[in-house]
Amino acid sequence: MSDVDITFRNENNGKEVEVTVSDDMTADAILRNLVEAGVIPNIPGTTLVFRNIQLRPGQTLAQAGVVSGDVVGIFLNTRGGQKLFSLSRALV
């Protein structure tokens, strides 16, 4: 177990935050900490992606091959819902 300096990028808005975390932290623990720190909103279905592969909830950064200097994407599960449907109907 060692500390790694990671950049987390919110892929929905491009904002980035640099964080030092332990490489034995799991993806779900990292998301929980980012929510508690106010970095991202608490949205169910939010995922971490590294090298185009989604990290599983119990997967550690070390297991995913993440090392210092890497960038990990955060994908917030946003949905258009009714407004998107109404807009698309208006465009038809």
PDB file of N, CA and C in Angstrom:
ATOM      1  N   MET A   1       0.843  -1.171   0.000  1.00  0.00           N
ATOM      2  CA  MET A   1       0.000   0.000   0.000  1.00  0.00           C
ATOM      3  C   MET A   1       0.886   1.231   0.000  1.00  0.00           C
ATOM      4  N   SER A   2       0.592   2.142  -0.927  1.00  0.00           N
ATOM      5  CA  SER A   2       1.350   3.390  -0.993  1.00  0.00           C
ATOM      6  C   SER A   2       0.432   4.513  -1.450  1.00  0.00           C
ATOM      7  N   ASP A   3       0.871   5.730  -1.209  1.00  0.00           N
ATOM      8  CA  ASP A   3       0.092   6.883  -1.626  1.00  0.00           C
ATOM      9  C   ASP A   3       0.372   7.197  -3.090  1.00  0.00           C
ATOM     10  N   VAL A   4      -0.675   7.614  -3.798  1.00  0.00           N
ATOM     11  CA  VAL A   4      -0.555   8.009  -5.194  1.00  0.00           C
ATOM     12  C   VAL A   4      -1.235   9.363  -5.378  1.00  0.00           C
ATOM     13  N   ASP A   5      -0.646  10.188  -6.222  1.00  0.00           N
ATOM     14  CA  ASP A   5      -1.232  11.483  -6.555  1.00  0.00           C
ATOM     15  C   ASP A   5      -2.020  11.321  -7.848  1.00  0.00           C
ATOM     16  N   ILE A   6      -3.335  11.470  -7.748  1.00  0.00           N
ATOM     17  CA  ILE A   6      -4.242  11.219  -8.863  1.00  0.00           C
ATOM     18  C   ILE A   6      -5.006  12.494  -9.200  1.00  0.00           C
ATOM     19  N   THR A   7      -5.260  12.688 -10.475  1.00  0.00           N
ATOM     20  CA  THR A   7      -6.163  13.750 -10.903  1.00  0.00           C
ATOM     21  C   THR A   7      -7.489  13.094 -11.245  1.00  0.00           C
ATOM     22  N   PHE A   8      -8.555  13.545 -10.591  1.00  0.00           N
ATOM     23  CA  PHE A   8      -9.900  13.080 -10.908  1.00  0.00           C
ATOM     24  C   PHE A   8     -10.549  14.160 -11.759  1.00  0.00           C
ATOM     25  N   ARG A   9     -11.059  13.758 -12.940  1.00  0.00           N
ATOM     26  CA  ARG A   9     -11.694  14.701 -13.857  1.00  0.00           C
ATOM     27  C   ARG A   9     -13.171  14.366 -13.992  1.00  0.00           C
ATOM     28  N   ASN A  10     -14.015  15.364 -13.685  1.00  0.00           N
ATOM     29  CA  ASN A  10     -15.453  15.222 -13.880  1.00  0.00           C
ATOM     30  C   ASN A  10     -15.694  15.315 -15.380  1.00  0.00           C
ATOM     31  N   GLU A  11     -16.026  14.204 -15.999  1.00  0.00           N
ATOM     32  CA  GLU A  11     -16.191  14.161 -17.453  1.00  0.00           C
ATOM     33  C   GLU A  11     -17.456  14.872 -17.923  1.00  0.00           C
ATOM     34  N   ASN A  12     -18.341  15.238 -16.989  1.00  0.00           N
ATOM     35  CA  ASN A  12     -19.549  15.962 -17.362  1.00  0.00           C
ATOM     36  C   ASN A  12     -19.290  17.458 -17.547  1.00  0.00           C
ATOM     37  N   ASN A  13     -18.311  18.002 -16.783  1.00  0.00           N
ATOM     38  CA  ASN A  13     -18.059  19.442 -16.896  1.00  0.00           C
ATOM     39  C   ASN A  13     -16.578  19.789 -17.071  1.00  0.00           C
ATOM     40  N   GLY A  14     -15.699  18.796 -17.073  1.00  0.00           N
ATOM     41  CA  GLY A  14     -14.278  19.027 -17.308  1.00  0.00           C
ATOM     42  C   GLY A  14     -13.477  19.490 -16.105  1.00  0.00           C
ATOM     43  N   LYS A  15     -14.125  19.725 -14.964  1.00  0.00           N
ATOM     44  CA  LYS A  15     -13.408  20.182 -13.775  1.00  0.00           C
ATOM     45  C   LYS A  15     -12.524  19.057 -13.241  1.00  0.00           C
ATOM     46  N   GLU A  16     -11.356  19.455 -12.743  1.00  0.00           N
ATOM     47  CA  GLU A  16     -10.397  18.487 -12.222  1.00  0.00           C
ATOM     48  C   GLU A  16     -10.032  18.814 -10.783  1.00  0.00           C
ATOM     49  N   VAL A  17      -9.683  17.772 -10.034  1.00  0.00           N
ATOM     50  CA  VAL A  17      -9.186  17.933  -8.676  1.00  0.00           C
ATOM     51  C   VAL A  17      -8.050  16.937  -8.488  1.00  0.00           C
ATOM     52  N   GLU A  18      -6.953  17.415  -7.920  1.00  0.00           N
ATOM     53  CA  GLU A  18      -5.817  16.542  -7.646  1.00  0.00           C
ATOM     54  C   GLU A  18      -5.893  16.101  -6.197  1.00  0.00           C
ATOM     55  N   VAL A  19      -5.733  14.792  -5.983  1.00  0.00           N
ATOM     56  CA  VAL A  19      -5.896  14.205  -4.655  1.00  0.00           C
ATOM     57  C   VAL A  19      -4.790  13.189  -4.419  1.00  0.00           C
ATOM     58  N   THR A  20      -4.321  13.116  -3.194  1.00  0.00           N
ATOM     59  CA  THR A  20      -3.398  12.053  -2.796  1.00  0.00           C
ATOM     60  C   THR A  20      -4.206  11.024  -2.022  1.00  0.00           C
ATOM     61  N   VAL A  21      -4.211   9.792  -2.509  1.00  0.00           N
ATOM     62  CA  VAL A  21      -4.966   8.711  -1.875  1.00  0.00           C
ATOM     63  C   VAL A  21      -4.087   7.466  -1.797  1.00  0.00           C
ATOM     64  N   SER A  22      -4.523   6.525  -0.999  1.00  0.00           N
ATOM     65  CA  SER A  22      -3.825   5.249  -0.900  1.00  0.00           C
ATOM     66  C   SER A  22      -4.226   4.374  -2.079  1.00  0.00           C
ATOM     67  N   ASP A  23      -3.270   3.654  -2.644  1.00  0.00           N
ATOM     68  CA  ASP A  23      -3.586   2.819  -3.808  1.00  0.00           C
ATOM     69  C   ASP A  23      -4.423   1.594  -3.449  1.00  0.00           C
ATOM     70  N   ASP A  24      -4.669   1.374  -2.140  1.00  0.00           N
ATOM     71  CA  ASP A  24      -5.541   0.263  -1.756  1.00  0.00           C
ATOM     72  C   ASP A  24      -6.979   0.714  -1.513  1.00  0.00           C
ATOM     73  N   MET A  25      -7.289   1.981  -1.838  1.00  0.00           N
ATOM     74  CA  MET A  25      -8.676   2.464  -1.737  1.00  0.00           C
ATOM     75  C   MET A  25      -9.495   1.883  -2.873  1.00  0.00           C
ATOM     76  N   THR A  26     -10.729   1.529  -2.573  1.00  0.00           N
ATOM     77  CA  THR A  26     -11.627   0.980  -3.591  1.00  0.00           C
ATOM     78  C   THR A  26     -12.363   2.112  -4.305  1.00  0.00           C
ATOM     79  N   ALA A  27     -12.867   1.795  -5.483  1.00  0.00           N
ATOM     80  CA  ALA A  27     -13.593   2.786  -6.277  1.00  0.00           C
ATOM     81  C   ALA A  27     -14.786   3.346  -5.513  1.00  0.00           C
ATOM     82  N   ASP A  28     -15.530   2.492  -4.818  1.00  0.00           N
ATOM     83  CA  ASP A  28     -16.693   2.986  -4.082  1.00  0.00           C
ATOM     84  C   ASP A  28     -16.281   3.863  -2.903  1.00  0.00           C
ATOM     85  N   ALA A  29     -15.171   3.552  -2.247  1.00  0.00           N
ATOM     86  CA  ALA A  29     -14.683   4.381  -1.138  1.00  0.00           C
ATOM     87  C   ALA A  29     -14.236   5.750  -1.657  1.00  0.00           C
ATOM     88  N   ILE A  30     -13.587   5.770  -2.813  1.00  0.00           N
ATOM     89  CA  ILE A  30     -13.148   7.032  -3.399  1.00  0.00           C
ATOM     90  C   ILE A  30     -14.352   7.898  -3.743  1.00  0.00           C
ATOM     91  N   LEU A  31     -15.356   7.317  -4.390  1.00  0.00           N
ATOM     92  CA  LEU A  31     -16.564   8.084  -4.728  1.00  0.00           C
ATOM     93  C   LEU A  31     -17.226   8.636  -3.472  1.00  0.00           C
ATOM     94  N   ARG A  32     -17.313   7.823  -2.441  1.00  0.00           N
ATOM     95  CA  ARG A  32     -17.916   8.256  -1.173  1.00  0.00           C
ATOM     96  C   ARG A  32     -17.138   9.450  -0.602  1.00  0.00           C
ATOM     97  N   ASN A  33     -15.809   9.382  -0.628  1.00  0.00           N
ATOM     98  CA  ASN A  33     -14.983  10.478  -0.112  1.00  0.00           C
ATOM     99  C   ASN A  33     -15.119  11.739  -0.953  1.00  0.00           C
ATOM    100  N   LEU A  34     -15.205  11.590  -2.271  1.00  0.00           N
ATOM    101  CA  LEU A  34     -15.376  12.755  -3.141  1.00  0.00           C
ATOM    102  C   LEU A  34     -16.722  13.427  -2.889  1.00  0.00           C
ATOM    103  N   VAL A  35     -17.752  12.648  -2.620  1.00  0.00           N
ATOM    104  CA  VAL A  35     -19.073  13.207  -2.292  1.00  0.00           C
ATOM    105  C   VAL A  35     -19.001  13.935  -0.958  1.00  0.00           C
ATOM    106  N   GLU A  36     -18.407  13.287   0.061  1.00  0.00           N
ATOM    107  CA  GLU A  36     -18.313  13.894   1.395  1.00  0.00           C
ATOM    108  C   GLU A  36     -17.500  15.181   1.380  1.00  0.00           C
ATOM    109  N   ALA A  37     -16.499  15.261   0.492  1.00  0.00           N
ATOM    110  CA  ALA A  37     -15.675  16.466   0.386  1.00  0.00           C
ATOM    111  C   ALA A  37     -16.341  17.551  -0.448  1.00  0.00           C
ATOM    112  N   GLY A  38     -17.496  17.244  -1.047  1.00  0.00           N
ATOM    113  CA  GLY A  38     -18.215  18.217  -1.854  1.00  0.00           C
ATOM    114  C   GLY A  38     -17.650  18.399  -3.252  1.00  0.00           C
ATOM    115  N   VAL A  39     -16.808  17.464  -3.688  1.00  0.00           N
ATOM    116  CA  VAL A  39     -16.212  17.552  -5.022  1.00  0.00           C
ATOM    117  C   VAL A  39     -17.224  17.184  -6.104  1.00  0.00           C
ATOM    118  N   ILE A  40     -18.045  16.179  -5.826  1.00  0.00           N
ATOM    119  CA  ILE A  40     -19.080  15.746  -6.763  1.00  0.00           C
ATOM    120  C   ILE A  40     -20.387  15.588  -6.010  1.00  0.00           C
ATOM    121  N   PRO A  41     -21.521  15.706  -6.711  1.00  0.00           N
ATOM    122  CA  PRO A  41     -22.814  15.476  -6.054  1.00  0.00           C
ATOM    123  C   PRO A  41     -23.046  13.982  -5.832  1.00  0.00           C
ATOM    124  N   ASN A  42     -23.907  13.671  -4.900  1.00  0.00           N
ATOM    125  CA  ASN A  42     -24.253  12.286  -4.595  1.00  0.00           C
ATOM    126  C   ASN A  42     -25.314  11.807  -5.580  1.00  0.00           C
ATOM    127  N   ILE A  43     -24.859  11.255  -6.697  1.00  0.00           N
ATOM    128  CA  ILE A  43     -25.768  10.776  -7.739  1.00  0.00           C
ATOM    129  C   ILE A  43     -25.565   9.273  -7.900  1.00  0.00           C
ATOM    130  N   PRO A  44     -26.612   8.475  -7.652  1.00  0.00           N
ATOM    131  CA  PRO A  44     -26.468   7.024  -7.835  1.00  0.00           C
ATOM    132  C   PRO A  44     -26.022   6.688  -9.258  1.00  0.00           C
ATOM    133  N   GLY A  45     -25.164   5.709  -9.371  1.00  0.00           N
ATOM    134  CA  GLY A  45     -24.702   5.273 -10.679  1.00  0.00           C
ATOM    135  C   GLY A  45     -23.453   5.990 -11.166  1.00  0.00           C
ATOM    136  N   THR A  46     -22.892   6.892 -10.345  1.00  0.00           N
ATOM    137  CA  THR A  46     -21.659   7.568 -10.720  1.00  0.00           C
ATOM    138  C   THR A  46     -20.531   6.550 -10.758  1.00  0.00           C
ATOM    139  N   THR A  47     -19.678   6.632 -11.766  1.00  0.00           N
ATOM    140  CA  THR A  47     -18.613   5.646 -11.927  1.00  0.00           C
ATOM    141  C   THR A  47     -17.265   6.312 -12.153  1.00  0.00           C
ATOM    142  N   LEU A  48     -16.214   5.546 -11.860  1.00  0.00           N
ATOM    143  CA  LEU A  48     -14.845   5.949 -12.156  1.00  0.00           C
ATOM    144  C   LEU A  48     -14.367   5.148 -13.350  1.00  0.00           C
ATOM    145  N   VAL A  49     -13.646   5.803 -14.250  1.00  0.00           N
ATOM    146  CA  VAL A  49     -13.146   5.136 -15.453  1.00  0.00           C
ATOM    147  C   VAL A  49     -11.662   5.462 -15.602  1.00  0.00           C
ATOM    148  N   PHE A  50     -10.875   4.412 -15.834  1.00  0.00           N
ATOM    149  CA  PHE A  50      -9.445   4.568 -16.045  1.00  0.00           C
ATOM    150  C   PHE A  50      -9.056   3.790 -17.292  1.00  0.00           C
ATOM    151  N   ARG A  51      -8.425   4.483 -18.247  1.00  0.00           N
ATOM    152  CA  ARG A  51      -8.034   3.882 -19.520  1.00  0.00           C
ATOM    153  C   ARG A  51      -9.217   3.200 -20.211  1.00  0.00           C
ATOM    154  N   ASN A  52     -10.346   3.882 -20.217  1.00  0.00           N
ATOM    155  CA  ASN A  52     -11.577   3.419 -20.866  1.00  0.00           C
ATOM    156  C   ASN A  52     -12.168   2.167 -20.256  1.00  0.00           C
ATOM    157  N   ILE A  53     -11.801   1.858 -19.019  1.00  0.00           N
ATOM    158  CA  ILE A  53     -12.366   0.705 -18.317  1.00  0.00           C
ATOM    159  C   ILE A  53     -12.982   1.191 -17.012  1.00  0.00           C
ATOM    160  N   GLN A  54     -14.247   0.826 -16.795  1.00  0.00           N
ATOM    161  CA  GLN A  54     -14.949   1.219 -15.586  1.00  0.00           C
ATOM    162  C   GLN A  54     -14.405   0.444 -14.390  1.00  0.00           C
ATOM    163  N   LEU A  55     -14.077   1.160 -13.305  1.00  0.00           N
ATOM    164  CA  LEU A  55     -13.620   0.503 -12.094  1.00  0.00           C
ATOM    165  C   LEU A  55     -14.823  -0.102 -11.375  1.00  0.00           C
ATOM    166  N   ARG A  56     -14.690  -1.337 -10.944  1.00  0.00           N
ATOM    167  CA  ARG A  56     -15.749  -2.010 -10.190  1.00  0.00           C
ATOM    168  C   ARG A  56     -15.779  -1.455  -8.769  1.00  0.00           C
ATOM    169  N   PRO A  57     -16.921  -1.490  -8.070  1.00  0.00           N
ATOM    170  CA  PRO A  57     -17.019  -0.921  -6.727  1.00  0.00           C
ATOM    171  C   PRO A  57     -15.948  -1.405  -5.738  1.00  0.00           C
ATOM    172  N   GLY A  58     -15.611  -2.679  -5.709  1.00  0.00           N
ATOM    173  CA  GLY A  58     -14.627  -3.194  -4.760  1.00  0.00           C
ATOM    174  C   GLY A  58     -13.207  -3.207  -5.279  1.00  0.00           C
ATOM    175  N   GLN A  59     -12.994  -2.717  -6.484  1.00  0.00           N
ATOM    176  CA  GLN A  59     -11.672  -2.737  -7.106  1.00  0.00           C
ATOM    177  C   GLN A  59     -10.814  -1.602  -6.560  1.00  0.00           C
ATOM    178  N   THR A  60      -9.561  -1.908  -6.218  1.00  0.00           N
ATOM    179  CA  THR A  60      -8.646  -0.882  -5.720  1.00  0.00           C
ATOM    180  C   THR A  60      -7.933  -0.195  -6.877  1.00  0.00           C
ATOM    181  N   LEU A  61      -7.355   0.951  -6.572  1.00  0.00           N
ATOM    182  CA  LEU A  61      -6.579   1.651  -7.588  1.00  0.00           C
ATOM    183  C   LEU A  61      -5.397   0.805  -8.042  1.00  0.00           C
ATOM    184  N   ALA A  62      -4.758   0.112  -7.106  1.00  0.00           N
ATOM    185  CA  ALA A  62      -3.623  -0.752  -7.462  1.00  0.00           C
ATOM    186  C   ALA A  62      -4.062  -1.861  -8.405  1.00  0.00           C
ATOM    187  N   GLN A  63      -5.212  -2.467  -8.140  1.00  0.00           N
ATOM    188  CA  GLN A  63      -5.719  -3.533  -9.010  1.00  0.00           C
ATOM    189  C   GLN A  63      -6.011  -3.012 -10.413  1.00  0.00           C
ATOM    190  N   ALA A  64      -6.415  -1.753 -10.502  1.00  0.00           N
ATOM    191  CA  ALA A  64      -6.730  -1.152 -11.800  1.00  0.00           C
ATOM    192  C   ALA A  64      -5.467  -0.664 -12.514  1.00  0.00           C
ATOM    193  N   GLY A  65      -4.343  -0.671 -11.820  1.00  0.00           N
ATOM    194  CA  GLY A  65      -3.094  -0.230 -12.428  1.00  0.00           C
ATOM    195  C   GLY A  65      -2.866   1.271 -12.376  1.00  0.00           C
ATOM    196  N   VAL A  66      -3.606   1.964 -11.506  1.00  0.00           N
ATOM    197  CA  VAL A  66      -3.477   3.413 -11.381  1.00  0.00           C
ATOM    198  C   VAL A  66      -2.212   3.741 -10.587  1.00  0.00           C
ATOM    199  N   VAL A  67      -1.404   4.659 -11.119  1.00  0.00           N
ATOM    200  CA  VAL A  67      -0.182   5.104 -10.437  1.00  0.00           C
ATOM    201  C   VAL A  67      -0.178   6.630 -10.366  1.00  0.00           C
ATOM    202  N   SER A  68       0.745   7.168  -9.589  1.00  0.00           N
ATOM    203  CA  SER A  68       0.847   8.623  -9.454  1.00  0.00           C
ATOM    204  C   SER A  68       0.954   9.283 -10.822  1.00  0.00           C
ATOM    205  N   GLY A  69       0.227  10.384 -10.967  1.00  0.00           N
ATOM    206  CA  GLY A  69       0.237  11.138 -12.208  1.00  0.00           C
ATOM    207  C   GLY A  69      -0.879  10.768 -13.168  1.00  0.00           C
ATOM    208  N   ASP A  70      -1.576   9.671 -12.891  1.00  0.00           N
ATOM    209  CA  ASP A  70      -2.669   9.252 -13.775  1.00  0.00           C
ATOM    210  C   ASP A  70      -3.910  10.119 -13.583  1.00  0.00           C
ATOM    211  N   VAL A  71      -4.759  10.100 -14.593  1.00  0.00           N
ATOM    212  CA  VAL A  71      -6.046  10.799 -14.558  1.00  0.00           C
ATOM    213  C   VAL A  71      -7.147   9.753 -14.579  1.00  0.00           C
ATOM    214  N   VAL A  72      -8.072   9.875 -13.632  1.00  0.00           N
ATOM    215  CA  VAL A  72      -9.219   8.968 -13.539  1.00  0.00           C
ATOM    216  C   VAL A  72     -10.474   9.795 -13.799  1.00  0.00           C
ATOM    217  N   GLY A  73     -11.287   9.345 -14.743  1.00  0.00           N
ATOM    218  CA  GLY A  73     -12.518  10.056 -15.085  1.00  0.00           C
ATOM    219  C   GLY A  73     -13.652   9.714 -14.146  1.00  0.00           C
ATOM    220  N   ILE A  74     -14.461  10.720 -13.851  1.00  0.00           N
ATOM    221  CA  ILE A  74     -15.672  10.538 -13.051  1.00  0.00           C
ATOM    222  C   ILE A  74     -16.847  10.783 -13.985  1.00  0.00           C
ATOM    223  N   PHE A  75     -17.708   9.792 -14.130  1.00  0.00           N
ATOM    224  CA  PHE A  75     -18.887   9.930 -14.972  1.00  0.00           C
ATOM    225  C   PHE A  75     -20.121   9.954 -14.088  1.00  0.00           C
ATOM    226  N   LEU A  76     -20.789  11.106 -14.054  1.00  0.00           N
ATOM    227  CA  LEU A  76     -22.013  11.257 -13.279  1.00  0.00           C
ATOM    228  C   LEU A  76     -23.174  10.719 -14.097  1.00  0.00           C
ATOM    229  N   ASN A  77     -24.006   9.932 -13.474  1.00  0.00           N
ATOM    230  CA  ASN A  77     -25.144   9.313 -14.145  1.00  0.00           C
ATOM    231  C   ASN A  77     -26.267  10.338 -14.245  1.00  0.00           C
ATOM    232  N   THR A  78     -26.219  11.165 -15.285  1.00  0.00           N
ATOM    233  CA  THR A  78     -27.269  12.166 -15.480  1.00  0.00           C
ATOM    234  C   THR A  78     -28.221  11.694 -16.563  1.00  0.00           C
ATOM    235  N   ARG A  79     -29.470  12.073 -16.420  1.00  0.00           N
ATOM    236  CA  ARG A  79     -30.495  11.657 -17.378  1.00  0.00           C
ATOM    237  C   ARG A  79     -31.286  12.868 -17.815  1.00  0.00           C
ATOM    238  N   GLY A  80     -31.709  12.849 -19.063  1.00  0.00           N
ATOM    239  CA  GLY A  80     -32.480  13.961 -19.601  1.00  0.00           C
ATOM    240  C   GLY A  80     -33.917  13.972 -19.110  1.00  0.00           C
ATOM    241  N   GLY A  81     -34.464  12.797 -18.904  1.00  0.00           N
ATOM    242  CA  GLY A  81     -35.828  12.700 -18.391  1.00  0.00           C
ATOM    243  C   GLY A  81     -36.867  13.311 -19.306  1.00  0.00           C
ATOM    244  N   GLN A  82     -37.947  13.761 -18.732  1.00  0.00           N
ATOM    245  CA  GLN A  82     -39.088  14.277 -19.472  1.00  0.00           C
ATOM    246  C   GLN A  82     -38.731  15.494 -20.311  1.00  0.00           C
ATOM    247  N   LYS A  83     -37.880  16.382 -19.803  1.00  0.00           N
ATOM    248  CA  LYS A  83     -37.551  17.586 -20.556  1.00  0.00           C
ATOM    249  C   LYS A  83     -36.880  17.236 -21.879  1.00  0.00           C
ATOM    250  N   LEU A  84     -35.992  16.275 -21.881  1.00  0.00           N
ATOM    251  CA  LEU A  84     -35.326  15.864 -23.118  1.00  0.00           C
ATOM    252  C   LEU A  84     -36.346  15.286 -24.091  1.00  0.00           C
ATOM    253  N   PHE A  85     -37.284  14.480 -23.586  1.00  0.00           N
ATOM    254  CA  PHE A  85     -38.312  13.901 -24.439  1.00  0.00           C
ATOM    255  C   PHE A  85     -39.165  15.002 -25.059  1.00  0.00           C
ATOM    256  N   SER A  86     -39.545  15.992 -24.265  1.00  0.00           N
ATOM    257  CA  SER A  86     -40.357  17.076 -24.777  1.00  0.00           C
ATOM    258  C   SER A  86     -39.609  17.874 -25.830  1.00  0.00           C
ATOM    259  N   LEU A  87     -38.305  18.114 -25.591  1.00  0.00           N
ATOM    260  CA  LEU A  87     -37.503  18.839 -26.546  1.00  0.00           C
ATOM    261  C   LEU A  87     -37.389  18.073 -27.856  1.00  0.00           C
ATOM    262  N   SER A  88     -37.138  16.764 -27.758  1.00  0.00           N
ATOM    263  CA  SER A  88     -36.990  15.979 -28.982  1.00  0.00           C
ATOM    264  C   SER A  88     -38.300  15.941 -29.767  1.00  0.00           C
ATOM    265  N   ARG A  89     -39.434  15.901 -29.077  1.00  0.00           N
ATOM    266  CA  ARG A  89     -40.728  15.926 -29.787  1.00  0.00           C
ATOM    267  C   ARG A  89     -40.918  17.253 -30.492  1.00  0.00           C
ATOM    268  N   ALA A  90     -40.437  18.328 -29.876  1.00  0.00           N
ATOM    269  CA  ALA A  90     -40.592  19.656 -30.479  1.00  0.00           C
ATOM    270  C   ALA A  90     -39.732  19.783 -31.733  1.00  0.00           C
ATOM    271  N   LEU A  91     -38.627  19.037 -31.802  1.00  0.00           N
ATOM    272  CA  LEU A  91     -37.743  19.123 -32.951  1.00  0.00           C
ATOM    273  C   LEU A  91     -38.180  18.251 -34.099  1.00  0.00           C
ATOM    274  N   VAL A  92     -39.118  17.336 -33.881  1.00  0.00           N
ATOM    275  CA  VAL A  92     -39.531  16.390 -34.920  1.00  0.00           C
ATOM    276  C   VAL A  92     -40.476  17.053 -35.895  1.00  0.00           C
TER     277      VAL A  92
END
